Each structure stands twice: as C-alpha cells, then as structure tokens.
C-alpha cells in the first residue's frame, strides 16, 4: 500500500516498467490510480461517439422511435462533454500512464466490480439495463481496449465467483470488455 501512495506511485510504476517482473499483483483500488493516457482516452471517446451517431442514424432509418433516439442523443452529448472536459485538462507531468508500465496481460479478480457500464439499446424501462457508466468501469474498459490492441484480443482475463445478480445484461456488459 505504501508503494502506491501518491508520492511513491510514479516510482512504483517506473519499477514495473523497467524491472523484469513475471507478475505484479495490486488491489483494484490501486490499479485504478494508474491512469490511461489522455490521448488514448480521447481516441476511445471519439470512437464511442461515432458508434452512438451510427446507432442514431440506424434508428432513424428503421424508425427506432423518438424516445430511443432522444436517449441516444443524450448519451452522445454526455460523451462529448467528457471529451471536452478531457481536452480542457492540463497535462500532468508527474504521471506514469498505464501504457508506459509495459503491462501486456491483465488478470482481473472480482470482475463483477466492473459491471456498471452503459448498454446502448432501444429497449426502455427494462430492469437491469443501465444507461449510465461508472468511472471505474470506464477506466477498466479503456485499459482492456488498449490491451486488445496490444495483444490481438488475448490480454485480459476476468474471474469472479459472484453469480449474475440482476440480469443477463451483466454478462453482456462484461463480455464487452473481453470480446469487443
């Protein structure tokens, strides 16, 4: 825990990047403190915005319903707001980004902690389908996408002994991390 306190985190991450470790085991809370680079976050947000715009266009062509289109437009505005906020942030000089650590495989225990991702769908008022996303889930998604690019989709393993508690949507959301 002391190695990942704010004043020691850069040194710890630099050791991960420069040493020849077979494995590094850290808690989820500490893993979340190693950020993905702003450039990669911007690229991912732009990709998600494009996917939402494509979904809106498809709904308009197929008469997806006014309510569903409006909801997708709200998702688009939310993603655009996150992108604007990210672009306005000043570069943090003292940060080691996840990509710089040299990590090329990620084993995630208790992966059910990352089930709070938005599921874009034209279905409404269905229990278990979330339209909002937690910061924790967004961070894990960005790291999984990076490892997918690096390893061809073979760099992430999720494990959990927790049963599906709400719906099959949870399974779908977790699979989005692993089989994008």
C-alpha atoms as a PDB file:
ATOM      1  CA  UNK A   1       0.000   0.000   0.000  1.00  0.00           C
ATOM      2  CA  UNK A   2       2.812   2.445   0.823  1.00  0.00           C
ATOM      3  CA  UNK A   3       4.365   1.925  -2.602  1.00  0.00           C
ATOM      4  CA  UNK A   4       1.230   3.262  -4.250  1.00  0.00           C
ATOM      5  CA  UNK A   5       0.715   6.318  -2.094  1.00  0.00           C
ATOM      6  CA  UNK A   6       0.679   9.473  -4.188  1.00  0.00           C
ATOM      7  CA  UNK A   7       4.327  10.408  -3.595  1.00  0.00           C
ATOM      8  CA  UNK A   8       5.578   6.854  -4.380  1.00  0.00           C
ATOM      9  CA  UNK A   9       3.271   5.868  -7.253  1.00  0.00           C
ATOM     10  CA  UNK A  10       5.463   7.191 -10.078  1.00  0.00           C
ATOM     11  CA  UNK A  11       8.495   5.336  -8.724  1.00  0.00           C
ATOM     12  CA  UNK A  12       6.459   2.132  -8.297  1.00  0.00           C
ATOM     13  CA  UNK A  13       5.076   2.351 -11.845  1.00  0.00           C
ATOM     14  CA  UNK A  14       8.563   3.063 -13.201  1.00  0.00           C
ATOM     15  CA  UNK A  15       9.811  -0.096 -11.470  1.00  0.00           C
ATOM     16  CA  UNK A  16       7.017  -2.085 -13.110  1.00  0.00           C
ATOM     17  CA  UNK A  17       8.086  -0.701 -16.494  1.00  0.00           C
ATOM     18  CA  UNK A  18      11.855  -1.204 -16.069  1.00  0.00           C
ATOM     19  CA  UNK A  19      12.166  -4.360 -13.987  1.00  0.00           C
ATOM     20  CA  UNK A  20      11.677  -7.849 -15.382  1.00  0.00           C
ATOM     21  CA  UNK A  21       8.647  -8.986 -13.397  1.00  0.00           C
ATOM     22  CA  UNK A  22       6.619 -12.033 -14.363  1.00  0.00           C
ATOM     23  CA  UNK A  23       3.621 -10.667 -12.476  1.00  0.00           C
ATOM     24  CA  UNK A  24       2.596  -7.627 -10.485  1.00  0.00           C
ATOM     25  CA  UNK A  25      -0.319  -8.033  -8.104  1.00  0.00           C
ATOM     26  CA  UNK A  26      -2.077  -4.938  -6.834  1.00  0.00           C
ATOM     27  CA  UNK A  27      -5.505  -4.155  -5.421  1.00  0.00           C
ATOM     28  CA  UNK A  28      -8.290  -2.841  -7.636  1.00  0.00           C
ATOM     29  CA  UNK A  29      -8.302   0.500  -5.841  1.00  0.00           C
ATOM     30  CA  UNK A  30      -4.590   0.987  -6.517  1.00  0.00           C
ATOM     31  CA  UNK A  31      -4.890  -0.260 -10.124  1.00  0.00           C
ATOM     32  CA  UNK A  32      -7.478   2.437 -10.776  1.00  0.00           C
ATOM     33  CA  UNK A  33      -4.958   5.090  -9.717  1.00  0.00           C
ATOM     34  CA  UNK A  34      -2.733   4.256 -12.700  1.00  0.00           C
ATOM     35  CA  UNK A  35      -4.448   6.289 -15.440  1.00  0.00           C
ATOM     36  CA  UNK A  36      -4.709   5.606 -19.133  1.00  0.00           C
ATOM     37  CA  UNK A  37      -3.176   8.418 -21.215  1.00  0.00           C
ATOM     38  CA  UNK A  38      -5.411  11.358 -22.169  1.00  0.00           C
ATOM     39  CA  UNK A  39      -4.643  10.784 -25.861  1.00  0.00           C
ATOM     40  CA  UNK A  40      -5.942   7.208 -25.685  1.00  0.00           C
ATOM     41  CA  UNK A  41      -8.975   8.333 -23.656  1.00  0.00           C
ATOM     42  CA  UNK A  42      -9.774  10.962 -26.303  1.00  0.00           C
ATOM     43  CA  UNK A  43      -9.450   8.415 -29.105  1.00  0.00           C
ATOM     44  CA  UNK A  44     -11.733   5.976 -27.268  1.00  0.00           C
ATOM     45  CA  UNK A  45     -14.329   8.669 -26.573  1.00  0.00           C
ATOM     46  CA  UNK A  46     -14.307   9.736 -30.244  1.00  0.00           C
ATOM     47  CA  UNK A  47     -14.834   6.102 -31.249  1.00  0.00           C
ATOM     48  CA  UNK A  48     -17.732   5.736 -28.794  1.00  0.00           C
ATOM     49  CA  UNK A  49     -19.294   8.984 -30.082  1.00  0.00           C
ATOM     50  CA  UNK A  50     -19.051   7.674 -33.648  1.00  0.00           C
ATOM     51  CA  UNK A  51     -20.722   4.400 -32.607  1.00  0.00           C
ATOM     52  CA  UNK A  52     -23.579   6.309 -30.962  1.00  0.00           C
ATOM     53  CA  UNK A  53     -24.016   8.539 -34.031  1.00  0.00           C
ATOM     54  CA  UNK A  54     -24.088   5.434 -36.253  1.00  0.00           C
ATOM     55  CA  UNK A  55     -26.687   3.912 -33.906  1.00  0.00           C
ATOM     56  CA  UNK A  56     -28.831   7.053 -34.082  1.00  0.00           C
ATOM     57  CA  UNK A  57     -28.672   7.021 -37.889  1.00  0.00           C
ATOM     58  CA  UNK A  58     -29.639   3.356 -37.958  1.00  0.00           C
ATOM     59  CA  UNK A  59     -32.582   4.005 -35.612  1.00  0.00           C
ATOM     60  CA  UNK A  60     -33.747   6.885 -37.797  1.00  0.00           C
ATOM     61  CA  UNK A  61     -33.629   4.659 -40.891  1.00  0.00           C
ATOM     62  CA  UNK A  62     -35.506   1.854 -39.113  1.00  0.00           C
ATOM     63  CA  UNK A  63     -37.975   4.113 -37.282  1.00  0.00           C
ATOM     64  CA  UNK A  64     -36.433   3.340 -33.895  1.00  0.00           C
ATOM     65  CA  UNK A  65     -38.795   5.589 -32.021  1.00  0.00           C
ATOM     66  CA  UNK A  66     -38.494   9.180 -30.886  1.00  0.00           C
ATOM     67  CA  UNK A  67     -37.784   8.274 -27.250  1.00  0.00           C
ATOM     68  CA  UNK A  68     -34.913   5.925 -28.144  1.00  0.00           C
ATOM     69  CA  UNK A  69     -33.325   8.430 -30.499  1.00  0.00           C
ATOM     70  CA  UNK A  70     -33.538  11.180 -27.865  1.00  0.00           C
ATOM     71  CA  UNK A  71     -31.926   8.891 -25.295  1.00  0.00           C
ATOM     72  CA  UNK A  72     -29.079   8.065 -27.689  1.00  0.00           C
ATOM     73  CA  UNK A  73     -28.628  11.801 -28.350  1.00  0.00           C
ATOM     74  CA  UNK A  74     -28.291  12.335 -24.582  1.00  0.00           C
ATOM     75  CA  UNK A  75     -25.621   9.620 -24.496  1.00  0.00           C
ATOM     76  CA  UNK A  76     -23.837  11.374 -27.359  1.00  0.00           C
ATOM     77  CA  UNK A  77     -23.938  14.727 -25.527  1.00  0.00           C
ATOM     78  CA  UNK A  78     -22.637  13.092 -22.368  1.00  0.00           C
ATOM     79  CA  UNK A  79     -19.700  11.538 -24.251  1.00  0.00           C
ATOM     80  CA  UNK A  80     -18.985  14.841 -25.987  1.00  0.00           C
ATOM     81  CA  UNK A  81     -18.993  16.618 -22.606  1.00  0.00           C
ATOM     82  CA  UNK A  82     -16.483  14.080 -21.242  1.00  0.00           C
ATOM     83  CA  UNK A  83     -14.314  14.629 -24.324  1.00  0.00           C
ATOM     84  CA  UNK A  84     -14.459  18.428 -23.935  1.00  0.00           C
ATOM     85  CA  UNK A  85     -13.532  18.168 -20.269  1.00  0.00           C
ATOM     86  CA  UNK A  86     -10.613  15.889 -21.120  1.00  0.00           C
ATOM     87  CA  UNK A  87      -9.383  18.278 -23.830  1.00  0.00           C
ATOM     88  CA  UNK A  88      -9.525  21.214 -21.402  1.00  0.00           C
ATOM     89  CA  UNK A  89      -7.413  19.485 -18.743  1.00  0.00           C
ATOM     90  CA  UNK A  90      -3.795  20.467 -18.401  1.00  0.00           C
ATOM     91  CA  UNK A  91      -1.155  17.778 -18.940  1.00  0.00           C
ATOM     92  CA  UNK A  92       0.034  16.255 -15.681  1.00  0.00           C
ATOM     93  CA  UNK A  93       3.815  15.965 -15.913  1.00  0.00           C
ATOM     94  CA  UNK A  94       4.320  13.663 -12.945  1.00  0.00           C
ATOM     95  CA  UNK A  95       2.081  10.822 -14.059  1.00  0.00           C
ATOM     96  CA  UNK A  96       3.091   7.410 -15.374  1.00  0.00           C
ATOM     97  CA  UNK A  97       0.343   6.196 -17.678  1.00  0.00           C
ATOM     98  CA  UNK A  98      -0.833   2.608 -17.902  1.00  0.00           C
ATOM     99  CA  UNK A  99       0.613   2.244 -21.397  1.00  0.00           C
ATOM    100  CA  UNK A 100       4.068   3.184 -20.076  1.00  0.00           C
ATOM    101  CA  UNK A 101       4.157   0.414 -17.476  1.00  0.00           C
ATOM    102  CA  UNK A 102       4.798  -2.310 -20.046  1.00  0.00           C
ATOM    103  CA  UNK A 103       1.877  -4.410 -18.807  1.00  0.00           C
ATOM    104  CA  UNK A 104       0.834  -6.814 -21.566  1.00  0.00           C
ATOM    105  CA  UNK A 105      -1.622  -9.081 -19.734  1.00  0.00           C
ATOM    106  CA  UNK A 106      -4.267  -8.359 -17.149  1.00  0.00           C
ATOM    107  CA  UNK A 107      -5.921 -10.860 -14.829  1.00  0.00           C
ATOM    108  CA  UNK A 108      -8.878  -9.285 -13.035  1.00  0.00           C
ATOM    109  CA  UNK A 109     -10.329 -10.996  -9.993  1.00  0.00           C
ATOM    110  CA  UNK A 110     -13.793  -9.961  -8.796  1.00  0.00           C
ATOM    111  CA  UNK A 111     -14.546  -8.666 -12.273  1.00  0.00           C
ATOM    112  CA  UNK A 112     -18.174  -8.167 -11.289  1.00  0.00           C
ATOM    113  CA  UNK A 113     -16.986  -4.866  -9.781  1.00  0.00           C
ATOM    114  CA  UNK A 114     -16.881  -3.527 -13.352  1.00  0.00           C
ATOM    115  CA  UNK A 115     -20.452  -4.372 -14.375  1.00  0.00           C
ATOM    116  CA  UNK A 116     -21.648  -0.748 -14.282  1.00  0.00           C
ATOM    117  CA  UNK A 117     -21.204   0.118 -17.954  1.00  0.00           C
ATOM    118  CA  UNK A 118     -23.887   1.660 -20.088  1.00  0.00           C
ATOM    119  CA  UNK A 119     -25.695  -0.601 -22.525  1.00  0.00           C
ATOM    120  CA  UNK A 120     -26.950   1.327 -25.548  1.00  0.00           C
ATOM    121  CA  UNK A 121     -30.259  -0.148 -26.575  1.00  0.00           C
ATOM    122  CA  UNK A 122     -33.597   0.978 -27.927  1.00  0.00           C
ATOM    123  CA  UNK A 123     -35.351  -1.014 -25.199  1.00  0.00           C
ATOM    124  CA  UNK A 124     -36.649   1.107 -22.349  1.00  0.00           C
ATOM    125  CA  UNK A 125     -37.864   0.581 -18.807  1.00  0.00           C
ATOM    126  CA  UNK A 126     -36.206  -2.817 -18.620  1.00  0.00           C
ATOM    127  CA  UNK A 127     -34.834  -3.764 -15.214  1.00  0.00           C
ATOM    128  CA  UNK A 128     -31.092  -4.326 -15.177  1.00  0.00           C
ATOM    129  CA  UNK A 129     -30.204  -2.285 -18.277  1.00  0.00           C
ATOM    130  CA  UNK A 130     -28.128   0.660 -17.172  1.00  0.00           C
ATOM    131  CA  UNK A 131     -27.795   3.803 -19.257  1.00  0.00           C
ATOM    132  CA  UNK A 132     -25.054   5.293 -17.084  1.00  0.00           C
ATOM    133  CA  UNK A 133     -21.451   4.288 -16.577  1.00  0.00           C
ATOM    134  CA  UNK A 134     -19.204   4.374 -13.522  1.00  0.00           C
ATOM    135  CA  UNK A 135     -15.737   5.909 -13.703  1.00  0.00           C
ATOM    136  CA  UNK A 136     -14.294   2.592 -12.524  1.00  0.00           C
ATOM    137  CA  UNK A 137     -15.914   0.748 -15.434  1.00  0.00           C
ATOM    138  CA  UNK A 138     -14.835   3.392 -17.968  1.00  0.00           C
ATOM    139  CA  UNK A 139     -11.229   3.142 -16.766  1.00  0.00           C
ATOM    140  CA  UNK A 140     -11.212  -0.658 -17.000  1.00  0.00           C
ATOM    141  CA  UNK A 141     -12.804  -0.535 -20.452  1.00  0.00           C
ATOM    142  CA  UNK A 142     -10.078   1.837 -21.708  1.00  0.00           C
ATOM    143  CA  UNK A 143      -7.348  -0.429 -20.320  1.00  0.00           C
ATOM    144  CA  UNK A 144      -8.957  -3.527 -21.852  1.00  0.00           C
ATOM    145  CA  UNK A 145      -9.218  -1.821 -25.249  1.00  0.00           C
ATOM    146  CA  UNK A 146      -5.525  -0.875 -25.033  1.00  0.00           C
ATOM    147  CA  UNK A 147      -4.554  -4.469 -24.222  1.00  0.00           C
ATOM    148  CA  UNK A 148      -6.775  -5.720 -27.064  1.00  0.00           C
ATOM    149  CA  UNK A 149      -4.797  -3.530 -29.471  1.00  0.00           C
ATOM    150  CA  UNK A 150      -1.506  -4.690 -27.995  1.00  0.00           C
ATOM    151  CA  UNK A 151      -2.254  -8.425 -27.879  1.00  0.00           C
ATOM    152  CA  UNK A 152      -4.873  -9.000 -30.558  1.00  0.00           C
ATOM    153  CA  UNK A 153      -7.641  -9.585 -28.037  1.00  0.00           C
ATOM    154  CA  UNK A 154      -5.691 -12.015 -25.834  1.00  0.00           C
ATOM    155  CA  UNK A 155      -4.513  -9.794 -22.995  1.00  0.00           C
ATOM    156  CA  UNK A 156      -7.379  -9.788 -20.498  1.00  0.00           C
ATOM    157  CA  UNK A 157      -8.903 -12.490 -18.293  1.00  0.00           C
ATOM    158  CA  UNK A 158     -11.818 -11.821 -15.960  1.00  0.00           C
ATOM    159  CA  UNK A 159     -12.592 -14.014 -12.962  1.00  0.00           C
ATOM    160  CA  UNK A 160     -15.382 -13.874 -10.417  1.00  0.00           C
ATOM    161  CA  UNK A 161     -17.249 -16.260  -8.177  1.00  0.00           C
ATOM    162  CA  UNK A 162     -20.175 -13.853  -7.920  1.00  0.00           C
ATOM    163  CA  UNK A 163     -23.300 -15.064  -9.670  1.00  0.00           C
ATOM    164  CA  UNK A 164     -25.256 -12.873 -12.051  1.00  0.00           C
ATOM    165  CA  UNK A 165     -27.478 -10.952  -9.694  1.00  0.00           C
ATOM    166  CA  UNK A 166     -29.631  -8.743 -11.880  1.00  0.00           C
ATOM    167  CA  UNK A 167     -29.884  -9.895 -15.463  1.00  0.00           C
ATOM    168  CA  UNK A 168     -28.153 -11.304 -18.476  1.00  0.00           C
ATOM    169  CA  UNK A 169     -27.254  -7.690 -19.248  1.00  0.00           C
ATOM    170  CA  UNK A 170     -24.437  -8.006 -16.700  1.00  0.00           C
ATOM    171  CA  UNK A 171     -22.967 -10.866 -18.690  1.00  0.00           C
ATOM    172  CA  UNK A 172     -23.282  -8.874 -21.919  1.00  0.00           C
ATOM    173  CA  UNK A 173     -21.544  -5.868 -20.327  1.00  0.00           C
ATOM    174  CA  UNK A 174     -18.661  -7.992 -19.000  1.00  0.00           C
ATOM    175  CA  UNK A 175     -18.261  -9.633 -22.413  1.00  0.00           C
ATOM    176  CA  UNK A 176     -17.910  -6.164 -23.975  1.00  0.00           C
ATOM    177  CA  UNK A 177     -14.607  -5.885 -22.094  1.00  0.00           C
ATOM    178  CA  UNK A 178     -13.385  -9.239 -23.356  1.00  0.00           C
ATOM    179  CA  UNK A 179     -14.855  -9.598 -26.856  1.00  0.00           C
ATOM    180  CA  UNK A 180     -15.337  -6.079 -28.105  1.00  0.00           C
END
